[in-house]
Protein backbone atom coordinates (compact mmCIF):
# COMPACT_ATOMS: atom_id res chain seq x y z
CA VAL A 1 137.11 112.76 112.89
CA SER A 2 135.36 115.24 110.83
CA THR A 3 131.81 114.77 109.62
CA GLU A 4 129.16 116.60 107.79
CA SER A 5 126.62 114.62 109.84
CA TRP A 6 126.61 111.27 111.76
CA ASN A 7 125.96 109.37 108.59
CA ASP A 8 128.64 111.14 106.16
CA TYR A 9 132.17 110.47 106.99
CA VAL A 10 134.53 113.17 105.63
CA ALA A 11 138.13 112.56 106.64
CA MET A 12 140.53 111.62 109.53
CA GLU A 13 141.98 114.67 110.70
CA ALA A 14 143.32 114.15 114.24
CA LEU A 15 146.07 111.66 113.26
CA ASP A 16 147.20 111.12 116.88
CA THR A 17 143.79 110.11 118.08
CA LYS A 18 142.90 106.49 118.42
CA VAL A 19 140.65 104.77 115.85
CA VAL A 20 137.84 102.70 117.29
CA ILE A 21 135.36 100.76 114.88
CA GLY A 22 132.29 99.60 116.85
CA ALA A 23 132.32 101.71 119.88
CA ILE A 24 132.70 105.45 121.17
CA TYR A 25 136.25 106.09 122.31
CA SER A 26 136.67 108.61 125.36
CA PRO A 27 140.15 109.47 126.68
CA LEU A 28 138.43 109.77 130.24
CA GLY A 29 137.37 106.21 130.39
CA PRO A 30 136.40 102.93 128.87
CA LEU A 31 134.68 102.44 125.46
CA GLY A 32 131.02 103.06 125.51
CA ASP A 33 127.98 102.96 123.30
CA PHE A 34 128.77 99.60 121.56
CA PHE A 35 127.23 99.33 118.09
CA GLU A 36 126.13 95.87 118.66
CA ASP A 37 125.07 94.18 115.46
CA LYS A 38 125.17 97.69 113.79
CA ILE A 39 128.32 97.22 111.44
CA ASP A 40 128.52 94.76 108.67
CA ASN A 41 131.45 95.70 106.56
CA VAL A 42 134.32 97.81 107.28
CA ILE A 43 137.20 98.92 104.57
CA LEU A 44 140.11 100.96 105.19
CA PHE A 45 141.91 102.83 102.44
CA LYS A 46 145.40 104.50 102.45
CA VAL A 47 144.33 107.12 99.84
CA LYS A 48 141.21 109.40 99.38
CA LEU A 49 138.72 107.81 97.08
CA THR A 50 136.84 109.77 94.41
CA PRO A 51 132.94 109.88 94.49
CA ALA A 52 133.12 107.66 91.36
CA GLN A 53 135.36 105.16 93.00
CA ILE A 54 133.02 105.05 96.13
CA ALA A 55 129.94 104.60 93.99
CA THR A 56 131.67 101.82 92.23
CA LEU A 57 132.54 100.09 95.38
CA TRP A 58 129.05 100.62 96.74
CA ASN A 59 127.04 99.31 93.65
CA ASP A 60 129.19 96.50 93.05
CA GLY A 61 129.34 95.23 96.41
CA ASP A 62 127.54 92.36 98.14
């Protein structure tokens, strides 16, 4: 995963790496640093969204 900061997701670059939502994955041990009660909604897309598409989803969401 590549990020500009912890708050701004950029892209999935390491396609052979496990994806974990709600915790931090370490190949050296078990999952850790669980994000308890920190995540409300998750959406995965097969395509890259434009800033306009993201704004529409964000502003029209619940």
